[in-house]
């Protein structure tokens, strides 16, 4: 079997006037997406503002 080249994540981002900033991340699976949606709900209830969920792939073994 071929080793994976990338890891996949779902990211919650918030916009605070200076562009989009990463707030939290989770694995890109059903439980990770559910957790990110819950975090988005909590941020909206407590802070207001603009939030979005994106998907990102990261090269396996990279520092970031």
Protein backbone atom coordinates (compact mmCIF):
# COMPACT_ATOMS: atom_id res chain seq x y z
CA UNK A 1 0.00 0.00 0.00
CA UNK A 2 1.22 3.46 -0.88
CA UNK A 3 1.89 5.78 2.10
CA UNK A 4 -0.23 8.90 2.41
CA UNK A 5 1.32 12.12 1.20
CA UNK A 6 -1.08 14.54 2.92
CA UNK A 7 -3.06 14.87 6.15
CA UNK A 8 -6.48 16.50 5.85
CA UNK A 9 -8.00 18.92 8.40
CA UNK A 10 -11.08 21.07 8.86
CA UNK A 11 -10.24 24.53 10.18
CA UNK A 12 -12.44 27.11 11.92
CA UNK A 13 -11.43 30.65 10.99
CA UNK A 14 -12.58 33.99 12.38
CA UNK A 15 -12.42 37.42 10.77
CA UNK A 16 -11.32 40.15 13.18
CA UNK A 17 -10.71 43.05 10.79
CA UNK A 18 -7.22 42.01 9.66
CA UNK A 19 -8.11 38.95 7.58
CA UNK A 20 -9.00 35.37 8.41
CA UNK A 21 -7.23 33.78 11.40
CA UNK A 22 -7.20 30.08 12.31
CA UNK A 23 -9.01 29.44 15.60
CA UNK A 24 -9.02 25.64 15.88
CA UNK A 25 -8.52 22.52 13.76
CA UNK A 26 -9.67 18.90 13.72
CA UNK A 27 -9.18 15.82 11.54
CA UNK A 28 -11.29 15.83 8.39
CA UNK A 29 -13.80 13.15 9.35
CA UNK A 30 -17.38 13.11 10.62
CA UNK A 31 -16.45 13.62 14.29
CA UNK A 32 -13.96 16.38 13.48
CA UNK A 33 -16.49 18.28 11.39
CA UNK A 34 -19.11 17.89 14.12
CA UNK A 35 -16.67 19.28 16.71
CA UNK A 36 -15.73 22.25 14.48
CA UNK A 37 -19.41 23.07 13.92
CA UNK A 38 -19.98 23.01 17.69
CA UNK A 39 -17.02 25.37 18.20
CA UNK A 40 -18.42 27.72 15.53
CA UNK A 41 -21.79 27.74 17.33
CA UNK A 42 -20.06 28.59 20.61
CA UNK A 43 -17.99 31.40 19.06
CA UNK A 44 -21.11 32.91 17.43
CA UNK A 45 -23.07 32.76 20.70
CA UNK A 46 -20.29 34.29 22.83
CA UNK A 47 -18.46 36.70 20.51
CA UNK A 48 -20.52 37.30 17.38
CA UNK A 49 -18.60 38.15 14.22
CA UNK A 50 -17.80 36.25 11.04
CA UNK A 51 -16.64 32.64 11.05
CA UNK A 52 -16.04 30.08 8.35
CA UNK A 53 -15.05 26.44 8.06
CA UNK A 54 -12.44 25.45 5.49
CA UNK A 55 -10.63 22.24 4.57
CA UNK A 56 -6.84 22.16 4.39
CA UNK A 57 -4.32 19.52 3.42
CA UNK A 58 -0.87 19.49 4.99
CA UNK A 59 2.13 17.57 3.72
CA UNK A 60 2.90 14.65 6.05
CA UNK A 61 6.00 15.38 8.10
CA UNK A 62 5.90 19.16 7.66
CA UNK A 63 6.31 21.39 10.72
CA UNK A 64 3.06 23.38 10.25
